[in-house]
Amino acid sequence: MNWRPYTHLSMSIDPGERPRIGISFYASITRARARVLESGRPYLVLESDEADVTISTTGAAGPVTAADLDIAREIFNAAARYLADCERIHAEHTQATNSAA
């Protein structure tokens, strides 16, 4: 099986529908960072060798809305769950590897 990292990009354009773009990072994220622009607009970036994804608040540097806060909390909770799952699976793998030795 090929375990090399990769990024998958898909685009769907259907008549009468808004275009949809999907980006999937499979262990190839090289950096995740968050900053605040001089304008006061916060943003989050996920980078790989193949693609960058930037997430920011609504509007053109307008005030951060309650909806922006809700999305930021969803991202935070999803990232915390992702971290917990990665740590658990890594520990299980390490334990299995050590037991087999």
C-alpha atoms as a PDB file:
ATOM      1  CA  MET A   1       0.000   0.000   0.000  1.00  0.00           C
ATOM      2  CA  ASN A   2       1.191   3.527  -0.805  1.00  0.00           C
ATOM      3  CA  TRP A   3       1.489   5.544   2.434  1.00  0.00           C
ATOM      4  CA  ARG A   4       3.005   8.687   0.916  1.00  0.00           C
ATOM      5  CA  PRO A   5       1.262  11.956   1.768  1.00  0.00           C
ATOM      6  CA  TYR A   6      -0.881  13.622  -0.864  1.00  0.00           C
ATOM      7  CA  THR A   7      -3.479  16.331  -1.372  1.00  0.00           C
ATOM      8  CA  HIS A   8      -6.693  15.617  -3.281  1.00  0.00           C
ATOM      9  CA  LEU A   9      -8.574  18.423  -5.053  1.00  0.00           C
ATOM     10  CA  SER A  10     -12.003  18.044  -6.614  1.00  0.00           C
ATOM     11  CA  MET A  11     -14.332  20.496  -8.320  1.00  0.00           C
ATOM     12  CA  SER A  12     -17.988  20.027  -9.136  1.00  0.00           C
ATOM     13  CA  ILE A  13     -19.847  22.367 -11.466  1.00  0.00           C
ATOM     14  CA  ASP A  14     -23.498  21.495 -11.988  1.00  0.00           C
ATOM     15  CA  PRO A  15     -25.991  23.584 -13.998  1.00  0.00           C
ATOM     16  CA  GLY A  16     -28.026  25.834 -11.716  1.00  0.00           C
ATOM     17  CA  GLU A  17     -25.812  25.101  -8.700  1.00  0.00           C
ATOM     18  CA  ARG A  18     -22.920  26.955  -7.127  1.00  0.00           C
ATOM     19  CA  PRO A  19     -19.528  25.414  -7.944  1.00  0.00           C
ATOM     20  CA  ARG A  20     -18.103  23.267  -5.153  1.00  0.00           C
ATOM     21  CA  ILE A  21     -14.417  22.739  -4.467  1.00  0.00           C
ATOM     22  CA  GLY A  22     -13.117  20.069  -2.119  1.00  0.00           C
ATOM     23  CA  ILE A  23      -9.553  19.861  -0.793  1.00  0.00           C
ATOM     24  CA  SER A  24      -8.440  16.863   1.236  1.00  0.00           C
ATOM     25  CA  PHE A  25      -5.055  16.809   2.939  1.00  0.00           C
ATOM     26  CA  TYR A  26      -3.823  13.300   3.673  1.00  0.00           C
ATOM     27  CA  ALA A  27      -0.977  13.830   6.171  1.00  0.00           C
ATOM     28  CA  SER A  28       0.674  16.400   3.953  1.00  0.00           C
ATOM     29  CA  ILE A  29      -0.062  19.552   5.934  1.00  0.00           C
ATOM     30  CA  THR A  30       3.312  21.136   6.502  1.00  0.00           C
ATOM     31  CA  ARG A  31       2.117  24.043   8.597  1.00  0.00           C
ATOM     32  CA  ALA A  32      -0.960  25.385  10.349  1.00  0.00           C
ATOM     33  CA  ARG A  33      -0.888  28.978  11.516  1.00  0.00           C
ATOM     34  CA  ALA A  34      -3.186  31.722  12.692  1.00  0.00           C
ATOM     35  CA  ARG A  35      -2.598  35.452  12.519  1.00  0.00           C
ATOM     36  CA  VAL A  36      -4.409  38.763  12.668  1.00  0.00           C
ATOM     37  CA  LEU A  37      -3.965  41.142   9.748  1.00  0.00           C
ATOM     38  CA  GLU A  38      -3.115  44.785  10.389  1.00  0.00           C
ATOM     39  CA  SER A  39      -6.752  45.521   9.536  1.00  0.00           C
ATOM     40  CA  GLY A  40      -7.777  43.452  12.562  1.00  0.00           C
ATOM     41  CA  ARG A  41      -9.077  40.503  10.547  1.00  0.00           C
ATOM     42  CA  PRO A  42      -8.115  37.080  11.987  1.00  0.00           C
ATOM     43  CA  TYR A  43      -7.293  34.195   9.678  1.00  0.00           C
ATOM     44  CA  LEU A  44      -6.232  30.554   9.811  1.00  0.00           C
ATOM     45  CA  VAL A  45      -4.025  28.917   7.172  1.00  0.00           C
ATOM     46  CA  LEU A  46      -3.406  25.221   6.474  1.00  0.00           C
ATOM     47  CA  GLU A  47      -0.484  24.693   4.106  1.00  0.00           C
ATOM     48  CA  SER A  48       0.920  21.761   2.202  1.00  0.00           C
ATOM     49  CA  ASP A  49       3.404  21.473  -0.638  1.00  0.00           C
ATOM     50  CA  GLU A  50       0.459  21.344  -3.049  1.00  0.00           C
ATOM     51  CA  ALA A  51      -2.120  23.775  -1.648  1.00  0.00           C
ATOM     52  CA  ASP A  52      -2.924  26.449   0.909  1.00  0.00           C
ATOM     53  CA  VAL A  53      -6.340  26.892   2.504  1.00  0.00           C
ATOM     54  CA  THR A  54      -7.148  30.160   4.240  1.00  0.00           C
ATOM     55  CA  ILE A  55     -10.120  30.625   6.540  1.00  0.00           C
ATOM     56  CA  SER A  56     -11.145  34.068   7.719  1.00  0.00           C
ATOM     57  CA  THR A  57     -14.078  35.973   9.113  1.00  0.00           C
ATOM     58  CA  THR A  58     -16.973  37.230   7.051  1.00  0.00           C
ATOM     59  CA  GLY A  59     -16.966  40.631   5.445  1.00  0.00           C
ATOM     60  CA  ALA A  60     -14.130  42.848   4.295  1.00  0.00           C
ATOM     61  CA  ALA A  61     -12.291  43.375   7.585  1.00  0.00           C
ATOM     62  CA  GLY A  62     -15.553  44.221   9.298  1.00  0.00           C
ATOM     63  CA  PRO A  63     -16.349  43.316  12.887  1.00  0.00           C
ATOM     64  CA  VAL A  64     -16.128  39.690  13.984  1.00  0.00           C
ATOM     65  CA  THR A  65     -19.703  38.419  14.149  1.00  0.00           C
ATOM     66  CA  ALA A  66     -21.403  35.893  16.410  1.00  0.00           C
ATOM     67  CA  ALA A  67     -21.524  33.552  13.391  1.00  0.00           C
ATOM     68  CA  ASP A  68     -17.731  33.941  13.012  1.00  0.00           C
ATOM     69  CA  LEU A  69     -17.326  32.949  16.673  1.00  0.00           C
ATOM     70  CA  ASP A  70     -19.559  29.894  16.176  1.00  0.00           C
ATOM     71  CA  ILE A  71     -17.473  28.715  13.216  1.00  0.00           C
ATOM     72  CA  ALA A  72     -14.199  29.369  15.092  1.00  0.00           C
ATOM     73  CA  ARG A  73     -15.506  27.236  17.986  1.00  0.00           C
ATOM     74  CA  GLU A  74     -16.484  24.452  15.564  1.00  0.00           C
ATOM     75  CA  ILE A  75     -12.978  24.532  14.058  1.00  0.00           C
ATOM     76  CA  PHE A  76     -11.416  24.490  17.539  1.00  0.00           C
ATOM     77  CA  ASN A  77     -13.576  21.575  18.719  1.00  0.00           C
ATOM     78  CA  ALA A  78     -12.964  19.595  15.523  1.00  0.00           C
ATOM     79  CA  ALA A  79      -9.192  20.190  15.789  1.00  0.00           C
ATOM     80  CA  ALA A  80      -9.233  19.104  19.459  1.00  0.00           C
ATOM     81  CA  ARG A  81     -11.077  15.913  18.519  1.00  0.00           C
ATOM     82  CA  TYR A  82      -8.636  15.292  15.639  1.00  0.00           C
ATOM     83  CA  LEU A  83      -5.707  15.707  18.040  1.00  0.00           C
ATOM     84  CA  ALA A  84      -7.266  13.360  20.602  1.00  0.00           C
ATOM     85  CA  ASP A  85      -7.951  10.716  17.930  1.00  0.00           C
ATOM     86  CA  CYS A  86      -4.401  11.008  16.540  1.00  0.00           C
ATOM     87  CA  GLU A  87      -2.896  10.701  20.029  1.00  0.00           C
ATOM     88  CA  ARG A  88      -5.080   7.687  20.887  1.00  0.00           C
ATOM     89  CA  ILE A  89      -4.345   5.842  17.629  1.00  0.00           C
ATOM     90  CA  HIS A  90      -0.632   6.641  17.869  1.00  0.00           C
ATOM     91  CA  ALA A  91      -0.521   5.295  21.446  1.00  0.00           C
ATOM     92  CA  GLU A  92      -2.376   2.143  20.398  1.00  0.00           C
ATOM     93  CA  HIS A  93       0.043   1.603  17.512  1.00  0.00           C
ATOM     94  CA  THR A  94       3.073   2.200  19.744  1.00  0.00           C
ATOM     95  CA  GLN A  95       1.714  -0.195  22.357  1.00  0.00           C
ATOM     96  CA  ALA A  96       1.024  -2.879  19.726  1.00  0.00           C
ATOM     97  CA  THR A  97       4.489  -2.435  18.227  1.00  0.00           C
ATOM     98  CA  ASN A  98       6.158  -2.667  21.647  1.00  0.00           C
ATOM     99  CA  SER A  99       4.106  -5.745  22.578  1.00  0.00           C
ATOM    100  CA  ALA A 100       5.109  -7.493  19.351  1.00  0.00           C
ATOM    101  CA  ALA A 101       8.817  -6.893  19.998  1.00  0.00           C
END
